[in-house]
């Protein structure tokens, strides 16, 4: 005979109600991390107070959105991966460059019950902070060294394109901009600068850069839309957006924005005749032997006297400087190849010594540098010239100086034409040649 358990009527009622609610409620699994794969982000350069993380953006009419590329939206691309230990990292893509970001922290904002993410970019204290929900990130790119500097951004999972092109565009009317161009920034103004633009093109896809007397704009990537050019680059340290239109005379005319703090006009004509200054003769030195006074990571004052006796490469740098990062990568390789002494003299955005030294320390750790980087002052070039007291004028970051064992100046290289340019190979050859010269005096 089967035994049956009889429940009180109230218990039966409670169980029935719980079963009813459990059928209606979907219990969400605890959030772990971001899904792996492609992401497309957009920095909103002209939105400062109306954008709020976690809130929906006002939707544009789709036909309108696809008929024009916004000149205040800077797109960028990245991917999320997981290593063999299950640790998450991101790769940010700009043309031929991949920037690996490993300092990623996930959490939960209990006040609004949303997941959060924070990504710090290597070699800096800049970071992306955002709320995450339904495969969308909404938040800000933050640059602490610029004060209260935040630019809103939004990123969507599963999107691989960079610029949003009109669906019904005429592919037969695409202009060809591949080649070398003579460019001018801020034409007609006191701050007018000459540059060389280098572009490669495959159908609608474009990559390239601009070379100037003080450096280059590194890896730019974008598209051609009919007779218009769009390029962007975002590496967590700098955010560049270029737009231009090719007129009937074949001249490119457009704008350049760096984050939300700088904007200017530029124009270019196709030509390979533009000449930039010779980087090996731009810097002038006031004395035969190089001297300096700086602060090490312990906060102690050091001078050149502690390093004299070895062939040395000194470079004027800054953790905020993208061309300096390219120089750092090269000098790290050359220091190991030639067993020479390398010293970085850093001029930082922070005037506070403790903040600047902390940033330099993180920079050394992030890029695994085995040579000293010393704090030499504030980034302003006039102040740097006065603090250094050795050069007639600090013209560019980086400036690389080649020293004999007695610290007499053997040669120098002002600015840096990095791996995104056609001149990088020549620069590397020059560095090899200069290092062999100073080693011959050992």
Protein backbone atom coordinates (compact mmCIF):
# COMPACT_ATOMS: atom_id res chain seq x y z
CA UNK A 1 0.00 0.00 0.00
CA UNK A 2 1.42 3.38 -1.05
CA UNK A 3 1.93 5.98 1.68
CA UNK A 4 0.74 9.50 0.82
CA UNK A 5 1.65 12.73 2.56
CA UNK A 6 -1.13 15.23 2.93
CA UNK A 7 -0.16 18.94 2.97
CA UNK A 8 -2.18 21.66 4.64
CA UNK A 9 -4.21 23.77 2.21
CA UNK A 10 -2.04 26.86 2.88
CA UNK A 11 1.14 24.97 1.97
CA UNK A 12 -0.39 23.75 -1.27
CA UNK A 13 -1.38 27.32 -2.10
CA UNK A 14 2.15 28.66 -1.46
CA UNK A 15 3.77 25.95 -3.57
CA UNK A 16 1.36 26.64 -6.42
CA UNK A 17 2.14 30.35 -6.34
CA UNK A 18 5.92 29.70 -6.36
CA UNK A 19 5.57 27.32 -9.30
CA UNK A 20 3.56 29.95 -11.17
CA UNK A 21 6.19 32.67 -10.61
CA UNK A 22 9.08 30.37 -11.49
CA UNK A 23 7.45 29.72 -14.84
CA UNK A 24 7.34 33.49 -15.54
CA UNK A 25 10.76 34.54 -14.21
CA UNK A 26 13.97 33.94 -16.17
CA UNK A 27 16.94 33.82 -13.79
CA UNK A 28 20.02 35.41 -15.36
CA UNK A 29 23.37 33.71 -14.93
CA UNK A 30 25.94 35.85 -13.05
CA UNK A 31 27.86 38.01 -15.54
CA UNK A 32 31.48 37.05 -16.07
CA UNK A 33 33.28 38.92 -18.87
CA UNK A 34 32.86 40.40 -22.33
CA UNK A 35 32.09 38.02 -25.20
CA UNK A 36 35.09 37.28 -27.46
CA UNK A 37 35.14 38.58 -31.00
CA UNK A 38 34.93 41.83 -32.96
CA UNK A 39 33.74 45.14 -31.50
CA UNK A 40 33.21 48.52 -33.14
CA UNK A 41 33.50 51.64 -31.03
CA UNK A 42 32.65 55.29 -31.69
CA UNK A 43 33.97 58.31 -29.79
CA UNK A 44 31.43 61.18 -29.78
CA UNK A 45 33.69 64.21 -30.03
CA UNK A 46 31.04 66.90 -29.59
CA UNK A 47 28.95 65.35 -26.79
CA UNK A 48 30.01 66.26 -23.27
CA UNK A 49 26.95 66.49 -21.06
CA UNK A 50 23.99 65.02 -22.95
CA UNK A 51 25.43 61.50 -23.17
CA UNK A 52 25.07 59.28 -20.14
CA UNK A 53 26.43 55.73 -19.82
CA UNK A 54 23.65 53.18 -19.77
CA UNK A 55 21.10 55.47 -21.42
CA UNK A 56 19.83 54.96 -24.95
CA UNK A 57 21.00 57.36 -27.63
CA UNK A 58 18.39 59.22 -29.63
CA UNK A 59 18.03 57.23 -32.84
CA UNK A 60 18.69 58.94 -36.15
CA UNK A 61 16.59 58.17 -39.20
CA UNK A 62 18.40 55.23 -40.80
CA UNK A 63 18.22 56.68 -44.31
CA UNK A 64 19.70 59.93 -43.05
CA UNK A 65 22.45 58.14 -41.12
CA UNK A 66 23.48 56.13 -44.16
CA UNK A 67 23.60 59.16 -46.42
CA UNK A 68 26.48 60.89 -44.63
CA UNK A 69 29.44 60.06 -42.41
CA UNK A 70 29.32 62.19 -39.27
CA UNK A 71 32.33 64.49 -38.84
CA UNK A 72 32.05 64.35 -35.05
CA UNK A 73 32.11 60.57 -34.65
CA UNK A 74 35.48 58.84 -34.47
CA UNK A 75 35.18 55.08 -35.10
CA UNK A 76 37.64 52.45 -33.88
CA UNK A 77 37.89 48.66 -33.85
CA UNK A 78 39.01 46.11 -31.30
CA UNK A 79 38.71 42.42 -30.53
CA UNK A 80 38.28 40.56 -27.26
CA UNK A 81 40.26 37.36 -26.67
CA UNK A 82 40.91 34.89 -23.85
CA UNK A 83 44.29 33.27 -23.25
CA UNK A 84 44.95 29.66 -22.19
CA UNK A 85 44.38 30.65 -18.55
CA UNK A 86 41.02 32.23 -19.30
CA UNK A 87 42.35 35.77 -18.84
CA UNK A 88 40.72 38.39 -21.04
CA UNK A 89 42.65 40.82 -23.24
CA UNK A 90 41.83 43.21 -26.08
CA UNK A 91 43.55 44.02 -29.37
CA UNK A 92 42.90 47.51 -30.75
CA UNK A 93 43.40 47.72 -34.53
CA UNK A 94 44.70 50.66 -36.56
CA UNK A 95 45.72 49.70 -40.10
CA UNK A 96 48.88 47.58 -39.63
CA UNK A 97 49.08 48.04 -35.86
CA UNK A 98 47.72 45.87 -33.05
CA UNK A 99 47.77 47.29 -29.52
CA UNK A 100 47.35 44.71 -26.77
CA UNK A 101 45.46 45.76 -23.63
CA UNK A 102 45.63 43.39 -20.67
CA UNK A 103 44.73 45.65 -17.72
CA UNK A 104 40.98 44.99 -17.83
CA UNK A 105 38.76 44.99 -14.76
CA UNK A 106 35.14 43.80 -14.68
CA UNK A 107 32.62 44.64 -11.98
CA UNK A 108 29.00 45.52 -11.24
CA UNK A 109 27.39 48.90 -10.59
CA UNK A 110 24.90 47.91 -7.92
CA UNK A 111 23.13 51.28 -8.03
CA UNK A 112 21.79 50.52 -11.49
CA UNK A 113 22.33 46.73 -11.60
CA UNK A 114 24.59 46.89 -14.66
CA UNK A 115 27.93 45.27 -15.40
CA UNK A 116 30.99 47.51 -15.72
CA UNK A 117 34.34 47.32 -17.50
CA UNK A 118 37.52 49.36 -17.22
CA UNK A 119 40.42 49.06 -19.71
CA UNK A 120 43.71 50.85 -19.04
CA UNK A 121 45.94 51.42 -22.04
CA UNK A 122 49.58 50.30 -21.67
CA UNK A 123 52.18 52.97 -21.01
CA UNK A 124 49.63 55.49 -19.75
CA UNK A 125 46.93 56.09 -17.14
CA UNK A 126 44.31 56.61 -19.87
CA UNK A 127 41.37 54.21 -19.80
CA UNK A 128 37.95 53.33 -21.13
CA UNK A 129 35.22 52.95 -18.51
CA UNK A 130 31.79 51.71 -19.48
CA UNK A 131 28.59 49.95 -18.58
CA UNK A 132 27.88 46.70 -20.38
CA UNK A 133 24.47 45.30 -21.29
CA UNK A 134 23.07 43.32 -24.21
CA UNK A 135 26.37 43.33 -26.18
CA UNK A 136 26.76 47.11 -25.95
CA UNK A 137 29.36 49.17 -24.06
CA UNK A 138 28.51 52.78 -23.15
CA UNK A 139 30.89 55.03 -21.28
CA UNK A 140 33.86 57.38 -21.56
CA UNK A 141 37.46 57.53 -22.71
CA UNK A 142 39.30 59.24 -19.84
CA UNK A 143 42.67 61.05 -20.01
CA UNK A 144 43.59 61.95 -16.38
CA UNK A 145 46.71 63.94 -17.29
CA UNK A 146 44.54 66.47 -19.17
CA UNK A 147 42.40 67.20 -16.12
CA UNK A 148 38.67 66.69 -16.47
CA UNK A 149 39.00 65.22 -19.97
CA UNK A 150 36.36 62.64 -20.90
CA UNK A 151 34.94 61.76 -24.29
CA UNK A 152 31.76 59.64 -24.51
CA UNK A 153 31.94 56.40 -26.46
CA UNK A 154 29.74 53.49 -27.43
CA UNK A 155 30.82 50.07 -28.72
CA UNK A 156 28.79 47.27 -30.29
CA UNK A 157 29.68 43.59 -30.33
CA UNK A 158 29.86 41.70 -33.61
CA UNK A 159 30.62 44.68 -35.88
CA UNK A 160 33.83 44.68 -37.95
CA UNK A 161 33.50 47.74 -40.21
CA UNK A 162 35.08 51.08 -39.30
CA UNK A 163 33.18 53.87 -41.07
CA UNK A 164 29.47 53.61 -41.87
CA UNK A 165 29.11 53.93 -45.64
CA UNK A 166 25.85 54.65 -47.50
CA UNK A 167 24.15 51.45 -48.66
CA UNK A 168 23.25 52.80 -52.09
CA UNK A 169 26.64 54.38 -52.83
CA UNK A 170 28.00 54.50 -56.37
CA UNK A 171 31.12 52.35 -56.31
CA UNK A 172 32.05 53.43 -59.84
CA UNK A 173 32.58 57.04 -58.71
CA UNK A 174 35.19 56.28 -56.06
CA UNK A 175 38.22 58.57 -56.34
CA UNK A 176 41.73 57.17 -56.18
CA UNK A 177 43.94 58.87 -53.59
CA UNK A 178 46.76 56.30 -53.44
CA UNK A 179 50.24 57.81 -53.54
CA UNK A 180 52.22 60.66 -52.05
CA UNK A 181 50.69 64.07 -51.37
CA UNK A 182 52.11 67.45 -50.41
CA UNK A 183 49.99 68.52 -47.44
CA UNK A 184 49.57 71.70 -45.42
CA UNK A 185 47.98 71.90 -41.96
CA UNK A 186 46.38 75.19 -40.86
CA UNK A 187 46.97 76.77 -44.32
CA UNK A 188 47.35 80.55 -44.25
CA UNK A 189 47.63 80.68 -40.45
CA UNK A 190 50.62 81.50 -38.27
CA UNK A 191 50.76 77.86 -37.19
CA UNK A 192 50.88 76.57 -40.81
CA UNK A 193 52.83 73.32 -41.10
CA UNK A 194 54.09 71.36 -44.09
CA UNK A 195 53.54 67.61 -44.21
CA UNK A 196 53.79 64.62 -46.51
CA UNK A 197 50.76 62.35 -46.80
CA UNK A 198 51.21 58.72 -47.82
CA UNK A 199 48.11 56.71 -48.76
CA UNK A 200 47.47 53.19 -49.99
CA UNK A 201 44.07 52.15 -51.32
CA UNK A 202 42.21 48.95 -52.14
CA UNK A 203 38.76 49.66 -53.55
CA UNK A 204 37.06 51.72 -50.80
CA UNK A 205 39.57 50.85 -48.07
CA UNK A 206 42.38 53.32 -47.32
CA UNK A 207 45.33 53.40 -44.94
CA UNK A 208 48.18 55.84 -44.53
CA UNK A 209 49.74 58.57 -42.45
CA UNK A 210 51.12 62.12 -42.46
CA UNK A 211 54.82 62.86 -41.95
CA UNK A 212 55.94 66.19 -40.47
CA UNK A 213 59.22 67.68 -39.27
CA UNK A 214 58.48 66.51 -35.73
CA UNK A 215 57.00 63.06 -36.31
CA UNK A 216 54.15 61.23 -38.00
CA UNK A 217 50.48 60.53 -37.30
CA UNK A 218 51.15 56.80 -37.16
CA UNK A 219 48.56 54.27 -38.35
CA UNK A 220 45.47 55.82 -39.97
CA UNK A 221 42.70 53.67 -41.41
CA UNK A 222 39.52 54.54 -43.25
CA UNK A 223 37.51 54.64 -46.46
CA UNK A 224 36.78 56.61 -49.58
CA UNK A 225 33.13 57.53 -50.09
CA UNK A 226 32.61 58.87 -53.62
CA UNK A 227 34.96 61.90 -53.65
CA UNK A 228 35.41 62.03 -49.87
CA UNK A 229 38.12 60.59 -47.63
CA UNK A 230 37.68 59.49 -44.02
CA UNK A 231 40.48 58.29 -41.70
CA UNK A 232 40.71 57.55 -37.99
CA UNK A 233 43.10 56.19 -35.40
CA UNK A 234 42.63 55.39 -31.71
CA UNK A 235 45.35 53.87 -29.54
CA UNK A 236 44.17 54.99 -26.11
CA UNK A 237 46.75 57.79 -26.04
CA UNK A 238 45.60 59.75 -29.08
CA UNK A 239 42.35 59.87 -31.05
CA UNK A 240 42.62 61.23 -34.59
CA UNK A 241 39.83 61.91 -37.10
CA UNK A 242 40.47 63.15 -40.65
CA UNK A 243 37.93 64.07 -43.30
CA UNK A 244 38.48 65.54 -46.74
CA UNK A 245 36.85 66.09 -50.14
CA UNK A 246 38.68 65.93 -53.46
CA UNK A 247 37.62 68.90 -55.57
CA UNK A 248 37.52 69.22 -59.35
CA UNK A 249 41.14 70.44 -59.39
CA UNK A 250 42.28 67.27 -57.65
CA UNK A 251 43.00 69.02 -54.33
CA UNK A 252 42.09 67.33 -51.05
CA UNK A 253 40.56 69.81 -48.59
CA UNK A 254 39.35 68.81 -45.16
CA UNK A 255 39.56 68.89 -41.38
CA UNK A 256 41.61 67.20 -38.68
CA UNK A 257 40.44 66.62 -35.10
CA UNK A 258 42.56 65.36 -32.23
CA UNK A 259 40.14 64.26 -29.52
CA UNK A 260 37.94 67.18 -28.50
CA UNK A 261 40.80 69.58 -27.68
CA UNK A 262 42.18 70.41 -31.13
CA UNK A 263 40.81 70.99 -34.63
CA UNK A 264 42.28 72.51 -37.78
CA UNK A 265 41.98 72.49 -41.57
CA UNK A 266 44.29 70.80 -44.06
CA UNK A 267 44.73 70.51 -47.80
CA UNK A 268 46.91 68.43 -50.09
CA UNK A 269 47.93 68.07 -53.73
CA UNK A 270 49.36 64.89 -55.20
CA UNK A 271 53.12 65.35 -55.39
CA UNK A 272 56.32 63.66 -54.26
CA UNK A 273 58.43 66.82 -54.34
CA UNK A 274 57.83 68.09 -50.79
CA UNK A 275 60.95 68.09 -48.66
CA UNK A 276 61.02 68.06 -44.88
CA UNK A 277 63.90 69.30 -42.73
CA UNK A 278 66.91 67.04 -42.25
CA UNK A 279 66.29 65.36 -38.87
CA UNK A 280 70.02 64.81 -38.32
CA UNK A 281 70.79 68.56 -38.30
CA UNK A 282 67.68 70.17 -36.78
CA UNK A 283 68.84 70.12 -33.13
CA UNK A 284 71.67 72.47 -32.13
CA UNK A 285 73.73 71.88 -29.00
CA UNK A 286 75.20 74.64 -26.85
CA UNK A 287 78.09 72.58 -25.49
CA UNK A 288 80.30 69.81 -26.83
CA UNK A 289 79.48 67.44 -23.99
CA UNK A 290 75.92 66.54 -23.01
CA UNK A 291 74.82 67.35 -19.46
CA UNK A 292 71.54 66.94 -17.62
CA UNK A 293 69.93 66.86 -14.19
CA UNK A 294 66.89 64.67 -13.65
CA UNK A 295 65.00 62.61 -11.06
CA UNK A 296 65.01 58.80 -10.89
CA UNK A 297 62.05 56.63 -9.89
CA UNK A 298 63.12 56.80 -6.22
CA UNK A 299 62.84 60.58 -6.29
CA UNK A 300 66.60 61.11 -6.15
CA UNK A 301 68.50 63.58 -8.31
CA UNK A 302 70.88 62.13 -10.91
CA UNK A 303 73.21 63.71 -13.46
CA UNK A 304 75.20 62.57 -16.48
CA UNK A 305 78.20 61.93 -14.24
CA UNK A 306 76.64 58.64 -13.14
CA UNK A 307 76.57 57.37 -16.73
CA UNK A 308 79.76 58.72 -18.33
CA UNK A 309 82.17 56.07 -19.63
CA UNK A 310 79.92 54.14 -22.01
CA UNK A 311 78.56 54.80 -25.50
CA UNK A 312 75.09 56.13 -24.81
CA UNK A 313 71.85 56.95 -26.56
CA UNK A 314 69.72 59.55 -24.79
CA UNK A 315 66.27 60.44 -26.01
CA UNK A 316 63.85 63.18 -25.00
CA UNK A 317 60.53 61.45 -24.50
CA UNK A 318 57.18 61.43 -22.71
CA UNK A 319 54.71 58.72 -21.78
CA UNK A 320 52.00 60.76 -23.58
CA UNK A 321 53.89 60.79 -26.90
CA UNK A 322 52.96 58.13 -29.52
CA UNK A 323 56.07 58.69 -31.67
CA UNK A 324 58.15 58.27 -28.52
CA UNK A 325 56.62 54.83 -28.08
CA UNK A 326 57.85 53.88 -31.55
CA UNK A 327 61.28 55.20 -30.62
CA UNK A 328 61.18 53.25 -27.35
CA UNK A 329 60.44 50.01 -29.19
CA UNK A 330 63.35 50.52 -31.57
CA UNK A 331 65.84 51.61 -28.91
CA UNK A 332 64.90 48.63 -26.76
CA UNK A 333 65.90 46.34 -29.64
CA UNK A 334 69.11 48.25 -30.43
CA UNK A 335 70.19 48.33 -26.77
CA UNK A 336 70.10 44.54 -26.71
CA UNK A 337 71.72 44.13 -30.13
CA UNK A 338 74.65 46.46 -29.48
CA UNK A 339 74.88 46.28 -25.67
CA UNK A 340 74.82 50.06 -25.36
CA UNK A 341 73.52 52.35 -22.64
CA UNK A 342 70.09 53.93 -23.28
CA UNK A 343 68.60 56.69 -21.11
CA UNK A 344 65.17 58.25 -21.48
CA UNK A 345 64.68 61.83 -20.28
CA UNK A 346 60.92 62.15 -19.82
CA UNK A 347 59.00 65.42 -19.98
CA UNK A 348 55.52 64.75 -18.62
CA UNK A 349 52.06 66.35 -18.56
CA UNK A 350 51.92 66.08 -14.78
CA UNK A 351 53.67 68.83 -12.88
CA UNK A 352 53.23 66.84 -9.69
CA UNK A 353 56.44 64.82 -9.30
CA UNK A 354 54.86 61.80 -7.60
CA UNK A 355 52.20 61.43 -10.32
CA UNK A 356 54.77 61.79 -13.07
CA UNK A 357 57.15 59.25 -11.52
CA UNK A 358 54.32 56.77 -10.97
CA UNK A 359 53.35 57.05 -14.62
CA UNK A 360 56.95 56.56 -15.77
CA UNK A 361 57.26 53.51 -13.52
CA UNK A 362 54.15 51.95 -15.04
CA UNK A 363 55.44 52.79 -18.53
CA UNK A 364 58.69 50.93 -17.87
CA UNK A 365 56.81 47.93 -16.50
CA UNK A 366 54.21 47.84 -19.29
CA UNK A 367 56.88 47.80 -22.00
CA UNK A 368 59.40 45.71 -20.06
CA UNK A 369 62.23 48.24 -20.35
CA UNK A 370 65.57 47.43 -18.76
CA UNK A 371 67.06 50.91 -19.07
CA UNK A 372 66.38 54.02 -16.94
CA UNK A 373 63.75 56.60 -17.79
CA UNK A 374 64.28 59.73 -15.71
CA UNK A 375 61.91 62.59 -15.02
CA UNK A 376 63.42 65.70 -16.62
CA UNK A 377 60.56 68.19 -16.35
CA UNK A 378 57.26 69.36 -17.77
CA UNK A 379 56.31 68.67 -21.41
CA UNK A 380 56.13 72.33 -22.56
CA UNK A 381 58.96 72.73 -25.07
CA UNK A 382 60.04 76.17 -23.83
CA UNK A 383 60.24 74.88 -20.25
CA UNK A 384 62.03 71.75 -21.42
CA UNK A 385 64.61 73.88 -23.25
CA UNK A 386 65.27 75.89 -20.09
CA UNK A 387 65.38 72.83 -17.84
CA UNK A 388 67.71 70.92 -20.11
CA UNK A 389 70.04 73.85 -20.72
CA UNK A 390 71.96 71.80 -23.26
CA UNK A 391 70.09 72.35 -26.52
CA UNK A 392 69.34 75.58 -28.30
CA UNK A 393 65.69 74.54 -28.60
CA UNK A 394 63.68 71.41 -27.88
CA UNK A 395 61.94 71.03 -31.24
CA UNK A 396 60.32 67.62 -31.02
CA UNK A 397 59.53 64.61 -28.89
CA UNK A 398 61.31 62.34 -29.38
CA UNK A 399 64.76 63.74 -30.04
CA UNK A 400 67.44 61.05 -30.03
CA UNK A 401 71.04 61.99 -29.15
CA UNK A 402 74.05 59.73 -29.76
CA UNK A 403 76.91 60.19 -27.25
CA UNK A 404 80.48 58.99 -27.20
CA UNK A 405 81.74 57.39 -23.95
CA UNK A 406 82.90 60.81 -22.71
CA UNK A 407 79.37 62.13 -23.42
CA UNK A 408 80.46 64.31 -26.31
CA UNK A 409 77.69 64.62 -28.87
CA UNK A 410 78.29 62.45 -31.92
CA UNK A 411 74.94 62.94 -33.67
CA UNK A 412 71.22 63.44 -33.21
CA UNK A 413 67.85 62.70 -34.80
CA UNK A 414 64.95 65.12 -34.24
CA UNK A 415 61.43 63.73 -34.50
CA UNK A 416 60.64 60.21 -35.64
CA UNK A 417 59.39 58.68 -38.88
CA UNK A 418 57.88 55.51 -37.47
CA UNK A 419 56.95 52.09 -38.87
CA UNK A 420 53.75 53.47 -40.42
CA UNK A 421 55.84 55.55 -42.86
CA UNK A 422 57.97 54.77 -45.89
CA UNK A 423 60.98 56.42 -44.20
CA UNK A 424 61.22 54.09 -41.24
CA UNK A 425 63.71 51.76 -42.93
CA UNK A 426 66.03 54.69 -43.63
CA UNK A 427 65.68 55.87 -40.03
CA UNK A 428 66.65 52.43 -38.71
CA UNK A 429 69.73 52.41 -40.94
CA UNK A 430 70.71 55.84 -39.61
CA UNK A 431 70.37 54.65 -36.00
CA UNK A 432 72.55 51.59 -36.71
CA UNK A 433 75.18 53.79 -38.32
CA UNK A 434 75.22 56.30 -35.44
CA UNK A 435 75.48 53.56 -32.82
CA UNK A 436 78.40 51.93 -34.62
CA UNK A 437 80.15 55.31 -34.61
CA UNK A 438 79.84 55.84 -30.86
CA UNK A 439 80.86 52.26 -30.17
CA UNK A 440 84.04 52.74 -32.19
CA UNK A 441 85.23 55.18 -29.49
CA UNK A 442 85.14 52.61 -26.68
